[in-house]
Amino acid sequence: MPPLPDAHCRYIGKWTATKLRWGLTADQAEADALTAYAEACETAVVNYTLAS
């Protein structure tokens, strides 16, 4: 995670978008961490385009 808390939601959004774009999976520990951090990002929207 970035050291500045203000960057956490943007980082989580970009990380999630990258995973979705490339069809990557997450193990349970990663999914749990992403979910925990995302709970603080109520208004975040993840935009992505599938890689071709």
C-alpha atoms as a PDB file:
ATOM      1  CA  MET A   1       0.000   0.000   0.000  1.00  0.00           C
ATOM      2  CA  PRO A   2       1.128   3.562  -0.585  1.00  0.00           C
ATOM      3  CA  PRO A   3       2.395   5.264   2.568  1.00  0.00           C
ATOM      4  CA  LEU A   4      -0.182   8.067   2.350  1.00  0.00           C
ATOM      5  CA  PRO A   5      -3.684   6.992   3.462  1.00  0.00           C
ATOM      6  CA  ASP A   6      -5.240   9.458   0.998  1.00  0.00           C
ATOM      7  CA  ALA A   7      -3.878   7.334  -1.858  1.00  0.00           C
ATOM      8  CA  HIS A   8      -5.245   3.993  -0.642  1.00  0.00           C
ATOM      9  CA  CYS A   9      -8.609   4.125  -2.441  1.00  0.00           C
ATOM     10  CA  ARG A  10      -7.059   5.172  -5.747  1.00  0.00           C
ATOM     11  CA  TYR A  11      -4.425   2.428  -5.408  1.00  0.00           C
ATOM     12  CA  ILE A  12      -7.011  -0.261  -4.617  1.00  0.00           C
ATOM     13  CA  GLY A  13      -9.130   0.890  -7.571  1.00  0.00           C
ATOM     14  CA  LYS A  14      -6.205   0.746  -9.980  1.00  0.00           C
ATOM     15  CA  TRP A  15      -5.055  -2.621  -8.613  1.00  0.00           C
ATOM     16  CA  THR A  16      -8.559  -4.056  -9.028  1.00  0.00           C
ATOM     17  CA  ALA A  17      -8.921  -2.580 -12.526  1.00  0.00           C
ATOM     18  CA  THR A  18      -5.622  -4.162 -13.560  1.00  0.00           C
ATOM     19  CA  LYS A  19      -6.718  -7.548 -12.236  1.00  0.00           C
ATOM     20  CA  LEU A  20     -10.028  -7.298 -14.105  1.00  0.00           C
ATOM     21  CA  ARG A  21      -8.464  -5.962 -17.314  1.00  0.00           C
ATOM     22  CA  TRP A  22      -6.067  -8.883 -17.615  1.00  0.00           C
ATOM     23  CA  GLY A  23      -8.344 -11.563 -16.132  1.00  0.00           C
ATOM     24  CA  LEU A  24      -5.998 -12.177 -13.211  1.00  0.00           C
ATOM     25  CA  THR A  25      -7.064 -14.055 -10.119  1.00  0.00           C
ATOM     26  CA  ALA A  26      -6.534 -13.259  -6.454  1.00  0.00           C
ATOM     27  CA  ASP A  27      -5.883 -15.755  -3.705  1.00  0.00           C
ATOM     28  CA  GLN A  28      -8.017 -15.592  -0.577  1.00  0.00           C
ATOM     29  CA  ALA A  29      -5.551 -13.447   1.387  1.00  0.00           C
ATOM     30  CA  GLU A  30      -5.380 -10.864  -1.404  1.00  0.00           C
ATOM     31  CA  ALA A  31      -9.156 -10.840  -1.875  1.00  0.00           C
ATOM     32  CA  ASP A  32      -9.666 -10.366   1.873  1.00  0.00           C
ATOM     33  CA  ALA A  33      -7.163  -7.475   1.961  1.00  0.00           C
ATOM     34  CA  LEU A  34      -8.744  -5.781  -1.056  1.00  0.00           C
ATOM     35  CA  THR A  35     -12.196  -6.128   0.482  1.00  0.00           C
ATOM     36  CA  ALA A  36     -11.031  -4.724   3.823  1.00  0.00           C
ATOM     37  CA  TYR A  37      -9.410  -1.679   2.217  1.00  0.00           C
ATOM     38  CA  ALA A  38     -12.293  -1.153  -0.220  1.00  0.00           C
ATOM     39  CA  GLU A  39     -14.798  -0.840   2.630  1.00  0.00           C
ATOM     40  CA  ALA A  40     -13.348   2.618   3.324  1.00  0.00           C
ATOM     41  CA  CYS A  41     -13.801   3.626  -0.342  1.00  0.00           C
ATOM     42  CA  GLU A  42     -17.575   3.935  -0.499  1.00  0.00           C
ATOM     43  CA  THR A  43     -17.691   6.227  -3.533  1.00  0.00           C
ATOM     44  CA  ALA A  44     -14.898   4.635  -5.557  1.00  0.00           C
ATOM     45  CA  VAL A  45     -15.714   3.411  -9.055  1.00  0.00           C
ATOM     46  CA  VAL A  46     -13.475   0.939 -10.868  1.00  0.00           C
ATOM     47  CA  ASN A  47     -13.286   1.511 -14.619  1.00  0.00           C
ATOM     48  CA  TYR A  48     -11.450  -0.910 -16.864  1.00  0.00           C
ATOM     49  CA  THR A  49     -11.335  -2.216 -20.411  1.00  0.00           C
ATOM     50  CA  LEU A  50     -10.676  -5.878 -21.089  1.00  0.00           C
ATOM     51  CA  ALA A  51      -7.324  -6.502 -22.699  1.00  0.00           C
ATOM     52  CA  SER A  52      -7.520  -7.932 -26.165  1.00  0.00           C
END
